[in-house]
N, C-alpha and C. Protein backbone atom coordinates (compact mmCIF):
# COMPACT_ATOMS: atom_id res chain seq x y z
N MET A 1 39.15 -40.40 -110.08
CA MET A 1 39.85 -40.48 -108.78
C MET A 1 40.66 -41.79 -108.71
N SER A 2 41.92 -41.68 -108.34
CA SER A 2 42.78 -42.86 -108.29
C SER A 2 42.50 -43.71 -107.05
N TRP A 3 42.81 -45.01 -107.18
CA TRP A 3 42.61 -45.91 -106.05
C TRP A 3 43.54 -45.53 -104.89
N GLY A 4 44.70 -44.99 -105.21
CA GLY A 4 45.62 -44.57 -104.16
C GLY A 4 45.04 -43.49 -103.28
N LEU A 5 44.34 -42.53 -103.92
CA LEU A 5 43.71 -41.45 -103.18
C LEU A 5 42.57 -41.97 -102.33
N VAL A 6 41.79 -42.91 -102.89
CA VAL A 6 40.68 -43.51 -102.14
C VAL A 6 41.20 -44.27 -100.93
N ALA A 7 42.22 -45.09 -101.17
CA ALA A 7 42.80 -45.88 -100.07
C ALA A 7 43.39 -44.98 -99.00
N GLY A 8 44.05 -43.89 -99.43
CA GLY A 8 44.63 -42.95 -98.47
C GLY A 8 43.57 -42.26 -97.64
N SER A 9 42.46 -41.89 -98.28
CA SER A 9 41.36 -41.22 -97.58
C SER A 9 40.72 -42.15 -96.56
N ILE A 10 40.53 -43.42 -96.95
CA ILE A 10 39.95 -44.40 -96.04
C ILE A 10 40.88 -44.64 -94.85
N ALA A 11 42.18 -44.78 -95.14
CA ALA A 11 43.16 -45.01 -94.07
C ALA A 11 43.20 -43.83 -93.10
N PHE A 12 43.11 -42.61 -93.63
CA PHE A 12 43.12 -41.42 -92.77
C PHE A 12 41.87 -41.36 -91.90
N ALA A 13 40.71 -41.73 -92.49
CA ALA A 13 39.46 -41.75 -91.73
C ALA A 13 39.53 -42.76 -90.59
N VAL A 14 40.08 -43.93 -90.88
CA VAL A 14 40.24 -44.96 -89.85
C VAL A 14 41.19 -44.48 -88.76
N TRP A 15 42.27 -43.80 -89.17
CA TRP A 15 43.25 -43.25 -88.23
C TRP A 15 42.60 -42.25 -87.28
N ILE A 16 41.73 -41.39 -87.82
CA ILE A 16 41.03 -40.40 -87.00
C ILE A 16 40.11 -41.09 -86.00
N VAL A 17 39.38 -42.10 -86.47
CA VAL A 17 38.47 -42.84 -85.58
C VAL A 17 39.24 -43.49 -84.44
N ILE A 18 40.38 -44.07 -84.75
CA ILE A 18 41.20 -44.73 -83.72
C ILE A 18 41.68 -43.71 -82.68
N ILE A 19 42.16 -42.57 -83.15
CA ILE A 19 42.67 -41.54 -82.23
C ILE A 19 41.57 -40.99 -81.34
N VAL A 20 40.44 -40.63 -81.95
CA VAL A 20 39.33 -40.04 -81.19
C VAL A 20 38.78 -41.05 -80.18
N THR A 21 38.57 -42.29 -80.62
CA THR A 21 38.02 -43.31 -79.73
C THR A 21 38.95 -43.62 -78.57
N SER A 22 40.22 -43.83 -78.87
CA SER A 22 41.17 -44.18 -77.81
C SER A 22 41.39 -43.03 -76.83
N THR A 23 41.50 -41.82 -77.34
CA THR A 23 41.72 -40.66 -76.46
C THR A 23 40.51 -40.38 -75.59
N SER A 24 39.33 -40.46 -76.17
CA SER A 24 38.10 -40.21 -75.41
C SER A 24 37.95 -41.22 -74.28
N ASN A 25 38.18 -42.49 -74.58
CA ASN A 25 38.05 -43.52 -73.56
C ASN A 25 39.15 -43.44 -72.52
N ALA A 26 40.33 -42.99 -72.91
CA ALA A 26 41.44 -42.84 -71.96
C ALA A 26 41.12 -41.78 -70.91
N VAL A 27 40.60 -40.65 -71.36
CA VAL A 27 40.22 -39.59 -70.42
C VAL A 27 39.05 -40.05 -69.56
N ASN A 28 38.13 -40.79 -70.14
CA ASN A 28 36.98 -41.31 -69.40
C ASN A 28 37.42 -42.24 -68.27
N LEU A 29 38.44 -43.05 -68.53
CA LEU A 29 38.96 -43.95 -67.50
C LEU A 29 39.60 -43.17 -66.35
N ALA A 30 40.15 -42.00 -66.65
CA ALA A 30 40.81 -41.18 -65.62
C ALA A 30 39.81 -40.47 -64.73
N ASP A 31 38.56 -40.41 -65.16
CA ASP A 31 37.55 -39.68 -64.40
C ASP A 31 36.96 -40.54 -63.29
N GLY A 32 37.86 -41.02 -62.39
CA GLY A 32 37.40 -41.87 -61.31
C GLY A 32 37.58 -41.25 -59.94
N LEU A 33 38.33 -40.16 -59.86
CA LEU A 33 38.55 -39.45 -58.60
C LEU A 33 38.28 -37.97 -58.83
N ASP A 34 37.86 -37.28 -57.78
CA ASP A 34 37.52 -35.86 -57.90
C ASP A 34 38.70 -35.05 -58.42
N GLY A 35 38.51 -34.39 -59.55
CA GLY A 35 39.52 -33.49 -60.09
C GLY A 35 40.62 -34.13 -60.90
N LEU A 36 40.66 -35.46 -60.96
CA LEU A 36 41.78 -36.12 -61.64
C LEU A 36 41.78 -35.88 -63.15
N ALA A 37 40.67 -36.15 -63.80
CA ALA A 37 40.61 -36.00 -65.26
C ALA A 37 40.76 -34.55 -65.68
N ALA A 38 40.03 -33.66 -64.99
CA ALA A 38 40.06 -32.24 -65.36
C ALA A 38 41.44 -31.63 -65.12
N GLY A 39 42.01 -31.89 -63.95
CA GLY A 39 43.32 -31.32 -63.62
C GLY A 39 44.42 -31.82 -64.53
N SER A 40 44.40 -33.12 -64.81
CA SER A 40 45.41 -33.69 -65.70
C SER A 40 45.27 -33.15 -67.11
N SER A 41 44.03 -32.93 -67.54
CA SER A 41 43.78 -32.42 -68.89
C SER A 41 44.28 -30.99 -69.06
N VAL A 42 44.29 -30.22 -67.98
CA VAL A 42 44.79 -28.84 -68.05
C VAL A 42 46.23 -28.82 -68.56
N PHE A 43 47.05 -29.74 -68.06
CA PHE A 43 48.45 -29.79 -68.49
C PHE A 43 48.57 -30.20 -69.96
N VAL A 44 47.79 -31.21 -70.35
CA VAL A 44 47.90 -31.72 -71.73
C VAL A 44 47.40 -30.68 -72.73
N ILE A 45 46.21 -30.14 -72.47
CA ILE A 45 45.64 -29.16 -73.40
C ILE A 45 46.44 -27.86 -73.34
N GLY A 46 46.95 -27.52 -72.16
CA GLY A 46 47.81 -26.35 -72.05
C GLY A 46 49.05 -26.47 -72.91
N SER A 47 49.53 -27.69 -73.09
CA SER A 47 50.69 -27.92 -73.95
C SER A 47 50.39 -27.52 -75.39
N PHE A 48 49.14 -27.74 -75.81
CA PHE A 48 48.77 -27.39 -77.18
C PHE A 48 48.69 -25.88 -77.38
N VAL A 49 48.47 -25.14 -76.31
CA VAL A 49 48.53 -23.67 -76.41
C VAL A 49 49.96 -23.27 -76.80
N ILE A 50 50.93 -23.85 -76.10
CA ILE A 50 52.34 -23.55 -76.38
C ILE A 50 52.74 -24.04 -77.77
N ILE A 51 52.39 -25.28 -78.07
CA ILE A 51 52.77 -25.89 -79.35
C ILE A 51 52.20 -25.12 -80.53
N ASN A 52 50.92 -24.80 -80.46
CA ASN A 52 50.28 -24.12 -81.59
C ASN A 52 50.71 -22.66 -81.71
N PHE A 53 51.02 -22.03 -80.59
CA PHE A 53 51.55 -20.66 -80.68
C PHE A 53 52.92 -20.68 -81.36
N TRP A 54 53.72 -21.70 -81.05
CA TRP A 54 55.02 -21.82 -81.71
C TRP A 54 54.84 -22.12 -83.19
N GLN A 55 53.88 -22.98 -83.51
CA GLN A 55 53.60 -23.27 -84.92
C GLN A 55 53.15 -22.00 -85.66
N PHE A 56 52.42 -21.15 -84.96
CA PHE A 56 51.99 -19.88 -85.56
C PHE A 56 53.19 -18.99 -85.85
N SER A 57 54.12 -18.92 -84.89
CA SER A 57 55.30 -18.07 -85.07
C SER A 57 56.23 -18.59 -86.16
N GLN A 58 56.12 -19.89 -86.46
CA GLN A 58 56.97 -20.51 -87.49
C GLN A 58 56.12 -21.05 -88.65
N SER A 59 54.99 -20.41 -88.90
CA SER A 59 54.08 -20.88 -89.94
C SER A 59 54.61 -20.58 -91.34
N CYS A 60 54.44 -21.52 -92.24
CA CYS A 60 54.85 -21.33 -93.64
C CYS A 60 54.00 -20.27 -94.34
N PHE A 61 52.83 -19.98 -93.77
CA PHE A 61 51.90 -19.03 -94.39
C PHE A 61 52.05 -17.63 -93.81
N ARG A 62 53.05 -17.43 -92.94
CA ARG A 62 53.24 -16.13 -92.30
C ARG A 62 54.23 -15.29 -93.11
N ALA A 63 53.82 -14.09 -93.47
CA ALA A 63 54.65 -13.22 -94.32
C ALA A 63 55.93 -12.79 -93.61
N SER A 64 55.86 -12.66 -92.27
CA SER A 64 57.02 -12.17 -91.52
C SER A 64 57.95 -13.28 -91.06
N LEU A 65 57.80 -14.48 -91.62
CA LEU A 65 58.64 -15.60 -91.21
C LEU A 65 60.11 -15.32 -91.51
N ASP A 66 60.96 -15.57 -90.53
CA ASP A 66 62.40 -15.39 -90.69
C ASP A 66 62.91 -16.35 -91.77
N LEU A 67 63.48 -15.82 -92.82
CA LEU A 67 63.92 -16.64 -93.95
C LEU A 67 65.04 -17.61 -93.58
N SER A 68 65.78 -17.29 -92.52
CA SER A 68 66.89 -18.16 -92.11
C SER A 68 66.40 -19.49 -91.55
N VAL A 69 65.14 -19.52 -91.10
CA VAL A 69 64.57 -20.76 -90.57
C VAL A 69 63.31 -21.16 -91.33
N ALA A 70 63.14 -20.61 -92.53
CA ALA A 70 61.93 -20.88 -93.31
C ALA A 70 61.78 -22.35 -93.65
N TYR A 71 62.91 -23.04 -93.79
CA TYR A 71 62.85 -24.47 -94.14
C TYR A 71 62.29 -25.32 -92.98
N LYS A 72 62.20 -24.71 -91.79
CA LYS A 72 61.66 -25.42 -90.63
C LYS A 72 60.18 -25.10 -90.39
N CYS A 73 59.58 -24.36 -91.29
CA CYS A 73 58.22 -23.87 -91.04
C CYS A 73 57.19 -24.99 -90.99
N TYR A 74 56.06 -24.69 -90.35
CA TYR A 74 54.96 -25.64 -90.21
C TYR A 74 53.85 -25.31 -91.21
N GLU A 75 53.27 -26.35 -91.81
CA GLU A 75 52.19 -26.16 -92.76
C GLU A 75 50.82 -26.35 -92.12
N VAL A 76 50.76 -26.20 -90.81
CA VAL A 76 49.49 -26.31 -90.07
C VAL A 76 48.63 -25.09 -90.37
N ARG A 77 47.37 -25.32 -90.66
CA ARG A 77 46.46 -24.23 -90.97
C ARG A 77 45.93 -23.58 -89.69
N ALA A 78 45.93 -22.27 -89.65
CA ALA A 78 45.37 -21.47 -88.55
C ALA A 78 45.82 -21.94 -87.17
N PRO A 79 47.13 -22.07 -86.92
CA PRO A 79 47.59 -22.54 -85.61
C PRO A 79 47.23 -21.61 -84.46
N ILE A 80 47.16 -20.31 -84.72
CA ILE A 80 46.80 -19.38 -83.64
C ILE A 80 45.36 -19.59 -83.20
N ASP A 81 44.49 -19.95 -84.14
CA ASP A 81 43.10 -20.25 -83.79
C ASP A 81 43.02 -21.50 -82.93
N ILE A 82 43.84 -22.49 -83.27
CA ILE A 82 43.87 -23.73 -82.47
C ILE A 82 44.38 -23.42 -81.07
N ALA A 83 45.39 -22.55 -80.97
CA ALA A 83 45.94 -22.17 -79.66
C ALA A 83 44.89 -21.46 -78.81
N ILE A 84 44.10 -20.60 -79.44
CA ILE A 84 43.05 -19.87 -78.72
C ILE A 84 41.98 -20.83 -78.21
N ILE A 85 41.60 -21.78 -79.04
CA ILE A 85 40.60 -22.78 -78.63
C ILE A 85 41.14 -23.61 -77.47
N ALA A 86 42.40 -24.02 -77.56
CA ALA A 86 43.01 -24.79 -76.47
C ALA A 86 43.05 -23.97 -75.18
N ALA A 87 43.38 -22.69 -75.29
CA ALA A 87 43.42 -21.82 -74.11
C ALA A 87 42.03 -21.67 -73.50
N ALA A 88 41.01 -21.58 -74.34
CA ALA A 88 39.64 -21.47 -73.85
C ALA A 88 39.22 -22.72 -73.09
N ILE A 89 39.62 -23.89 -73.61
CA ILE A 89 39.30 -25.15 -72.93
C ILE A 89 40.02 -25.22 -71.59
N VAL A 90 41.28 -24.80 -71.56
CA VAL A 90 42.04 -24.78 -70.30
C VAL A 90 41.35 -23.88 -69.28
N GLY A 91 40.92 -22.71 -69.72
CA GLY A 91 40.23 -21.79 -68.83
C GLY A 91 38.95 -22.38 -68.27
N SER A 92 38.19 -23.06 -69.11
CA SER A 92 36.94 -23.67 -68.65
C SER A 92 37.22 -24.81 -67.68
N LEU A 93 38.30 -25.55 -67.91
CA LEU A 93 38.65 -26.65 -67.00
C LEU A 93 39.10 -26.13 -65.64
N ILE A 94 39.84 -25.03 -65.64
CA ILE A 94 40.26 -24.44 -64.36
C ILE A 94 39.05 -23.96 -63.57
N GLY A 95 38.11 -23.32 -64.27
CA GLY A 95 36.88 -22.90 -63.61
C GLY A 95 36.09 -24.08 -63.09
N PHE A 96 36.05 -25.15 -63.87
CA PHE A 96 35.34 -26.36 -63.45
C PHE A 96 36.01 -26.99 -62.24
N LEU A 97 37.35 -26.97 -62.19
CA LEU A 97 38.09 -27.58 -61.09
C LEU A 97 37.78 -26.95 -59.74
N TRP A 98 37.38 -25.67 -59.77
CA TRP A 98 37.04 -24.98 -58.51
C TRP A 98 35.95 -25.75 -57.76
N TRP A 99 35.05 -26.37 -58.53
CA TRP A 99 33.93 -27.10 -57.95
C TRP A 99 34.11 -28.61 -58.01
N ASN A 100 35.10 -29.07 -58.75
CA ASN A 100 35.27 -30.51 -58.96
C ASN A 100 36.34 -31.12 -58.07
N THR A 101 37.17 -30.29 -57.42
CA THR A 101 38.18 -30.84 -56.52
C THR A 101 37.51 -31.40 -55.28
N SER A 102 38.19 -32.34 -54.63
CA SER A 102 37.63 -33.06 -53.48
C SER A 102 37.35 -32.13 -52.29
N PRO A 103 36.17 -32.23 -51.69
CA PRO A 103 35.01 -33.03 -52.11
C PRO A 103 34.23 -32.33 -53.22
N ALA A 104 34.05 -33.00 -54.33
CA ALA A 104 33.45 -32.38 -55.51
C ALA A 104 31.97 -32.06 -55.30
N LYS A 105 31.58 -30.91 -55.84
CA LYS A 105 30.18 -30.51 -55.80
C LYS A 105 29.51 -30.72 -57.16
N ILE A 106 30.30 -30.72 -58.22
CA ILE A 106 29.77 -31.03 -59.55
C ILE A 106 30.71 -32.03 -60.23
N PHE A 107 30.15 -32.79 -61.15
CA PHE A 107 30.90 -33.84 -61.83
C PHE A 107 30.72 -33.71 -63.33
N MET A 108 31.76 -34.07 -64.09
CA MET A 108 31.67 -33.95 -65.54
C MET A 108 30.94 -35.13 -66.17
N GLY A 109 31.03 -36.31 -65.54
CA GLY A 109 30.37 -37.48 -66.09
C GLY A 109 30.98 -37.91 -67.42
N ASP A 110 30.34 -38.88 -68.06
CA ASP A 110 30.84 -39.37 -69.35
C ASP A 110 30.80 -38.28 -70.42
N THR A 111 29.78 -37.43 -70.34
CA THR A 111 29.65 -36.36 -71.34
C THR A 111 30.87 -35.46 -71.33
N GLY A 112 31.33 -35.09 -70.15
CA GLY A 112 32.48 -34.20 -70.05
C GLY A 112 33.79 -34.88 -70.39
N SER A 113 34.02 -36.08 -69.84
CA SER A 113 35.30 -36.76 -70.06
C SER A 113 35.48 -37.18 -71.51
N LEU A 114 34.40 -37.66 -72.13
CA LEU A 114 34.50 -38.05 -73.55
C LEU A 114 34.72 -36.82 -74.43
N ALA A 115 34.09 -35.70 -74.04
CA ALA A 115 34.27 -34.46 -74.81
C ALA A 115 35.71 -33.95 -74.70
N ILE A 116 36.28 -34.03 -73.50
CA ILE A 116 37.67 -33.60 -73.32
C ILE A 116 38.61 -34.47 -74.14
N GLY A 117 38.36 -35.77 -74.11
CA GLY A 117 39.17 -36.68 -74.92
C GLY A 117 39.05 -36.39 -76.40
N GLY A 118 37.83 -36.10 -76.84
CA GLY A 118 37.62 -35.74 -78.24
C GLY A 118 38.34 -34.46 -78.61
N ALA A 119 38.32 -33.50 -77.68
CA ALA A 119 39.02 -32.23 -77.92
C ALA A 119 40.52 -32.44 -78.02
N LEU A 120 41.06 -33.30 -77.17
CA LEU A 120 42.49 -33.62 -77.23
C LEU A 120 42.86 -34.23 -78.58
N ALA A 121 42.02 -35.17 -79.02
CA ALA A 121 42.27 -35.81 -80.32
C ALA A 121 42.22 -34.79 -81.44
N ALA A 122 41.23 -33.90 -81.39
CA ALA A 122 41.08 -32.88 -82.43
C ALA A 122 42.27 -31.94 -82.46
N LEU A 123 42.74 -31.53 -81.29
CA LEU A 123 43.90 -30.63 -81.22
C LEU A 123 45.14 -31.30 -81.81
N ALA A 124 45.31 -32.59 -81.51
CA ALA A 124 46.46 -33.31 -82.03
C ALA A 124 46.39 -33.47 -83.54
N ILE A 125 45.20 -33.77 -84.05
CA ILE A 125 45.02 -33.97 -85.50
C ILE A 125 45.23 -32.66 -86.24
N LEU A 126 44.61 -31.59 -85.74
CA LEU A 126 44.71 -30.29 -86.42
C LEU A 126 46.13 -29.73 -86.40
N SER A 127 46.86 -30.01 -85.33
CA SER A 127 48.23 -29.51 -85.24
C SER A 127 49.26 -30.51 -85.77
N GLN A 128 48.76 -31.63 -86.30
CA GLN A 128 49.61 -32.67 -86.89
C GLN A 128 50.62 -33.23 -85.88
N THR A 129 50.15 -33.44 -84.65
CA THR A 129 51.02 -33.97 -83.59
C THR A 129 50.40 -35.22 -82.96
N GLU A 130 49.80 -36.07 -83.79
CA GLU A 130 49.09 -37.23 -83.28
C GLU A 130 50.01 -38.17 -82.49
N LEU A 131 51.20 -38.42 -83.00
CA LEU A 131 52.12 -39.33 -82.31
C LEU A 131 52.66 -38.70 -81.02
N LEU A 132 52.85 -37.39 -81.03
CA LEU A 132 53.32 -36.69 -79.84
C LEU A 132 52.29 -36.75 -78.72
N LEU A 133 51.03 -36.93 -79.08
CA LEU A 133 49.96 -37.00 -78.08
C LEU A 133 50.19 -38.14 -77.10
N VAL A 134 50.83 -39.21 -77.56
CA VAL A 134 51.13 -40.35 -76.69
C VAL A 134 52.01 -39.91 -75.52
N VAL A 135 52.91 -38.97 -75.77
CA VAL A 135 53.79 -38.46 -74.71
C VAL A 135 53.07 -37.40 -73.89
N LEU A 136 52.45 -36.44 -74.57
CA LEU A 136 51.75 -35.36 -73.87
C LEU A 136 50.70 -35.90 -72.92
N ALA A 137 49.96 -36.90 -73.38
CA ALA A 137 48.89 -37.50 -72.58
C ALA A 137 49.38 -38.80 -71.94
N GLY A 138 50.64 -38.82 -71.55
CA GLY A 138 51.25 -40.03 -71.01
C GLY A 138 50.52 -40.59 -69.80
N LEU A 139 49.96 -39.72 -68.96
CA LEU A 139 49.22 -40.20 -67.79
C LEU A 139 48.01 -41.01 -68.23
N PHE A 140 47.28 -40.50 -69.21
CA PHE A 140 46.10 -41.22 -69.69
C PHE A 140 46.48 -42.54 -70.35
N VAL A 141 47.61 -42.55 -71.05
CA VAL A 141 48.12 -43.78 -71.65
C VAL A 141 48.46 -44.79 -70.55
N MET A 142 49.08 -44.30 -69.48
CA MET A 142 49.47 -45.15 -68.36
C MET A 142 48.24 -45.77 -67.68
N LEU A 143 47.22 -44.96 -67.45
CA LEU A 143 46.01 -45.46 -66.80
C LEU A 143 45.28 -46.47 -67.68
N THR A 144 45.20 -46.17 -68.97
CA THR A 144 44.56 -47.10 -69.90
C THR A 144 45.35 -48.40 -69.99
N GLY A 145 46.67 -48.28 -70.03
CA GLY A 145 47.52 -49.46 -70.07
C GLY A 145 47.35 -50.33 -68.85
N SER A 146 47.16 -49.70 -67.68
CA SER A 146 46.98 -50.47 -66.45
C SER A 146 45.72 -51.32 -66.50
N VAL A 147 44.67 -50.79 -67.13
CA VAL A 147 43.42 -51.55 -67.28
C VAL A 147 43.62 -52.72 -68.23
N ILE A 148 44.26 -52.47 -69.37
CA ILE A 148 44.49 -53.52 -70.36
C ILE A 148 45.35 -54.64 -69.78
N VAL A 149 46.44 -54.26 -69.11
CA VAL A 149 47.34 -55.26 -68.52
C VAL A 149 46.64 -56.04 -67.42
N GLN A 150 45.87 -55.35 -66.58
CA GLN A 150 45.17 -56.01 -65.47
C GLN A 150 44.17 -57.04 -65.99
N ARG A 151 43.39 -56.65 -66.97
CA ARG A 151 42.36 -57.55 -67.50
C ARG A 151 42.99 -58.73 -68.24
N THR A 152 44.03 -58.45 -69.00
CA THR A 152 44.71 -59.53 -69.73
C THR A 152 45.33 -60.53 -68.76
N TYR A 153 46.02 -60.02 -67.75
CA TYR A 153 46.65 -60.89 -66.75
C TYR A 153 45.60 -61.67 -65.97
N PHE A 154 44.47 -61.03 -65.67
CA PHE A 154 43.39 -61.68 -64.93
C PHE A 154 42.85 -62.88 -65.70
N LYS A 155 42.69 -62.71 -67.02
CA LYS A 155 42.15 -63.80 -67.85
C LYS A 155 43.17 -64.92 -68.04
N ILE A 156 44.43 -64.54 -68.24
CA ILE A 156 45.47 -65.55 -68.48
C ILE A 156 45.70 -66.40 -67.24
N THR A 157 45.70 -65.76 -66.06
CA THR A 157 46.01 -66.47 -64.81
C THR A 157 44.76 -66.96 -64.09
N HIS A 158 43.60 -66.78 -64.73
CA HIS A 158 42.32 -67.25 -64.17
C HIS A 158 42.04 -66.66 -62.78
N GLY A 159 42.13 -65.35 -62.68
CA GLY A 159 41.69 -64.69 -61.46
C GLY A 159 42.75 -63.95 -60.68
N LYS A 160 44.01 -64.05 -61.06
CA LYS A 160 45.06 -63.33 -60.33
C LYS A 160 45.15 -61.90 -60.85
N ARG A 161 45.63 -61.00 -59.97
CA ARG A 161 45.73 -59.58 -60.32
C ARG A 161 47.14 -59.07 -60.09
N ILE A 162 47.52 -58.09 -60.89
CA ILE A 162 48.81 -57.41 -60.69
C ILE A 162 48.65 -56.30 -59.67
N TRP A 163 47.58 -55.51 -59.83
CA TRP A 163 47.29 -54.42 -58.93
C TRP A 163 46.02 -54.72 -58.14
N ARG A 164 45.84 -54.03 -57.05
CA ARG A 164 44.65 -54.25 -56.23
C ARG A 164 43.39 -53.84 -56.97
N ALA A 165 43.50 -52.85 -57.81
CA ALA A 165 42.36 -52.38 -58.61
C ALA A 165 42.90 -51.63 -59.82
N SER A 166 42.08 -51.48 -60.81
CA SER A 166 42.44 -50.68 -61.98
C SER A 166 41.24 -49.85 -62.39
N PRO A 167 41.46 -48.68 -63.01
CA PRO A 167 42.73 -48.07 -63.40
C PRO A 167 43.66 -47.83 -62.20
N LEU A 168 44.87 -47.45 -62.49
CA LEU A 168 45.94 -47.42 -61.50
C LEU A 168 45.65 -46.52 -60.30
N HIS A 169 44.88 -45.44 -60.50
CA HIS A 169 44.62 -44.55 -59.37
C HIS A 169 43.80 -45.26 -58.29
N HIS A 170 42.98 -46.23 -58.67
CA HIS A 170 42.20 -46.98 -57.68
C HIS A 170 43.09 -47.95 -56.91
N HIS A 171 44.20 -48.37 -57.51
CA HIS A 171 45.16 -49.23 -56.81
C HIS A 171 45.75 -48.50 -55.62
N PHE A 172 46.18 -47.26 -55.84
CA PHE A 172 46.77 -46.48 -54.75
C PHE A 172 45.72 -46.10 -53.72
N GLU A 173 44.51 -45.87 -54.18
CA GLU A 173 43.41 -45.59 -53.25
C GLU A 173 43.16 -46.80 -52.36
N ALA A 174 43.22 -48.01 -52.95
CA ALA A 174 43.02 -49.24 -52.20
C ALA A 174 44.15 -49.50 -51.22
N LYS A 175 45.34 -48.93 -51.50
CA LYS A 175 46.48 -49.09 -50.59
C LYS A 175 46.41 -48.14 -49.41
N GLY A 176 45.42 -47.26 -49.41
CA GLY A 176 45.23 -46.37 -48.28
C GLY A 176 45.61 -44.93 -48.51
N TRP A 177 46.04 -44.59 -49.74
CA TRP A 177 46.34 -43.19 -50.03
C TRP A 177 45.06 -42.37 -50.00
N ALA A 178 45.15 -41.17 -49.46
CA ALA A 178 44.00 -40.26 -49.49
C ALA A 178 43.71 -39.87 -50.93
N GLU A 179 42.44 -39.66 -51.23
CA GLU A 179 42.04 -39.33 -52.60
C GLU A 179 42.79 -38.11 -53.13
N ILE A 180 42.88 -37.06 -52.31
CA ILE A 180 43.53 -35.83 -52.75
C ILE A 180 45.02 -36.06 -53.00
N THR A 181 45.64 -36.98 -52.24
CA THR A 181 47.05 -37.31 -52.43
C THR A 181 47.27 -37.97 -53.79
N VAL A 182 46.41 -38.93 -54.11
CA VAL A 182 46.50 -39.61 -55.41
C VAL A 182 46.33 -38.60 -56.54
N VAL A 183 45.33 -37.74 -56.41
CA VAL A 183 45.02 -36.78 -57.48
C VAL A 183 46.17 -35.81 -57.71
N VAL A 184 46.68 -35.22 -56.64
CA VAL A 184 47.76 -34.23 -56.79
C VAL A 184 49.02 -34.87 -57.36
N ARG A 185 49.35 -36.07 -56.90
CA ARG A 185 50.55 -36.74 -57.42
C ARG A 185 50.39 -37.12 -58.89
N PHE A 186 49.18 -37.49 -59.26
CA PHE A 186 48.94 -37.80 -60.67
C PHE A 186 48.93 -36.53 -61.51
N TRP A 187 48.52 -35.41 -60.93
CA TRP A 187 48.65 -34.12 -61.63
C TRP A 187 50.12 -33.84 -61.93
N ILE A 188 50.97 -34.10 -60.94
CA ILE A 188 52.41 -33.86 -61.12
C ILE A 188 52.94 -34.73 -62.25
N ILE A 189 52.53 -35.99 -62.27
CA ILE A 189 52.96 -36.91 -63.33
C ILE A 189 52.49 -36.41 -64.69
N SER A 190 51.24 -35.95 -64.75
CA SER A 190 50.70 -35.43 -66.00
C SER A 190 51.48 -34.21 -66.46
N GLY A 191 51.83 -33.34 -65.51
CA GLY A 191 52.62 -32.16 -65.84
C GLY A 191 53.99 -32.51 -66.37
N LEU A 192 54.60 -33.54 -65.79
CA LEU A 192 55.92 -33.98 -66.26
C LEU A 192 55.85 -34.55 -67.67
N PHE A 193 54.82 -35.35 -67.93
CA PHE A 193 54.63 -35.90 -69.28
C PHE A 193 54.44 -34.76 -70.29
N ALA A 194 53.63 -33.78 -69.90
CA ALA A 194 53.38 -32.64 -70.80
C ALA A 194 54.67 -31.87 -71.08
N ALA A 195 55.47 -31.67 -70.04
CA ALA A 195 56.74 -30.95 -70.20
C ALA A 195 57.69 -31.71 -71.13
N VAL A 196 57.75 -33.03 -70.96
CA VAL A 196 58.59 -33.85 -71.84
C VAL A 196 58.08 -33.78 -73.28
N GLY A 197 56.75 -33.78 -73.44
CA GLY A 197 56.17 -33.70 -74.77
C GLY A 197 56.49 -32.39 -75.47
N VAL A 198 56.35 -31.28 -74.75
CA VAL A 198 56.67 -29.97 -75.32
C VAL A 198 58.16 -29.88 -75.64
N GLY A 199 58.98 -30.41 -74.74
CA GLY A 199 60.42 -30.43 -74.99
C GLY A 199 60.78 -31.25 -76.23
N THR A 200 60.11 -32.38 -76.38
CA THR A 200 60.33 -33.23 -77.56
C THR A 200 59.93 -32.51 -78.84
N PHE A 201 58.80 -31.79 -78.76
CA PHE A 201 58.32 -31.03 -79.92
C PHE A 201 59.36 -29.98 -80.34
N TYR A 202 59.90 -29.27 -79.36
CA TYR A 202 60.89 -28.23 -79.66
C TYR A 202 62.20 -28.82 -80.18
N LEU A 203 62.61 -29.93 -79.59
CA LEU A 203 63.84 -30.58 -80.05
C LEU A 203 63.71 -31.07 -81.49
N GLU A 204 62.49 -31.52 -81.84
CA GLU A 204 62.25 -31.96 -83.22
C GLU A 204 62.42 -30.80 -84.18
N TRP A 205 61.96 -29.60 -83.75
CA TRP A 205 62.11 -28.41 -84.60
C TRP A 205 63.58 -28.04 -84.75
N LEU A 206 64.33 -28.13 -83.65
CA LEU A 206 65.76 -27.80 -83.69
C LEU A 206 66.54 -28.75 -84.60
N SER A 207 66.10 -30.00 -84.63
CA SER A 207 66.83 -31.01 -85.40
C SER A 207 66.50 -31.01 -86.89
N ARG A 208 65.57 -30.17 -87.31
CA ARG A 208 65.19 -30.15 -88.73
C ARG A 208 66.34 -29.63 -89.61
C-alpha cells in the first residue's frame, strides 16, 4: 500500500469527522425554540430528495442515460436509495412537528438534534455534495456563526456583546419577538437557503 493512499484515507476520515461533528452541533444549537430545528431540517433534507433524484436520473450507472448528456453524469452510488432515505426522514420530521410546534408537547433533545445533524452529514457525503451543504444548511451555519462571533467578541472586549443573546434566535426572542414569529421567519430563511442550494446544484450541472 502506497503512502499516498494511506495519507488520502486518513485525510478523508478526518474530513468526515469534521463534517459530522460540525453539522451535528449546528443542528443541536438550532434546537432552542419549539419546532425550529425540525422545521428548518425539513427544507434542508428535502433538498437532498430533489438532488439525489436528479443524480439518479443522470447516473453514470443507468443504462437509459441520454448519451447527449452522458458526460455530465454522476458517479454517486445508489442515489435513488439516498433520495428515499431523505424522504423518509422528511416524513418523520413532519410528523414530529405536529407535536413539536409551539407549545410543544414532545421534544427531540440532544439525541434527536445530533441524529438529524448526523443524517445531514451522511446525505451530503454519500451524494458528494459536502461543500454544497454549507449553502443548503445556511441557517444552521448562520446560527453557529453567531455563537462563535459572540463568544469571540465577548472574550476580546472583556464582556461586551454584539447580540443580546446567542444563538441568533435567542437574540430576537430577547428583543420581544414571539417564539412562533422567530420560528416561522427562520423557517422561511432556511427554505430560501435550501432553494439557493438546489439552484446552485442545478447550475453546476448545466455548466459542465
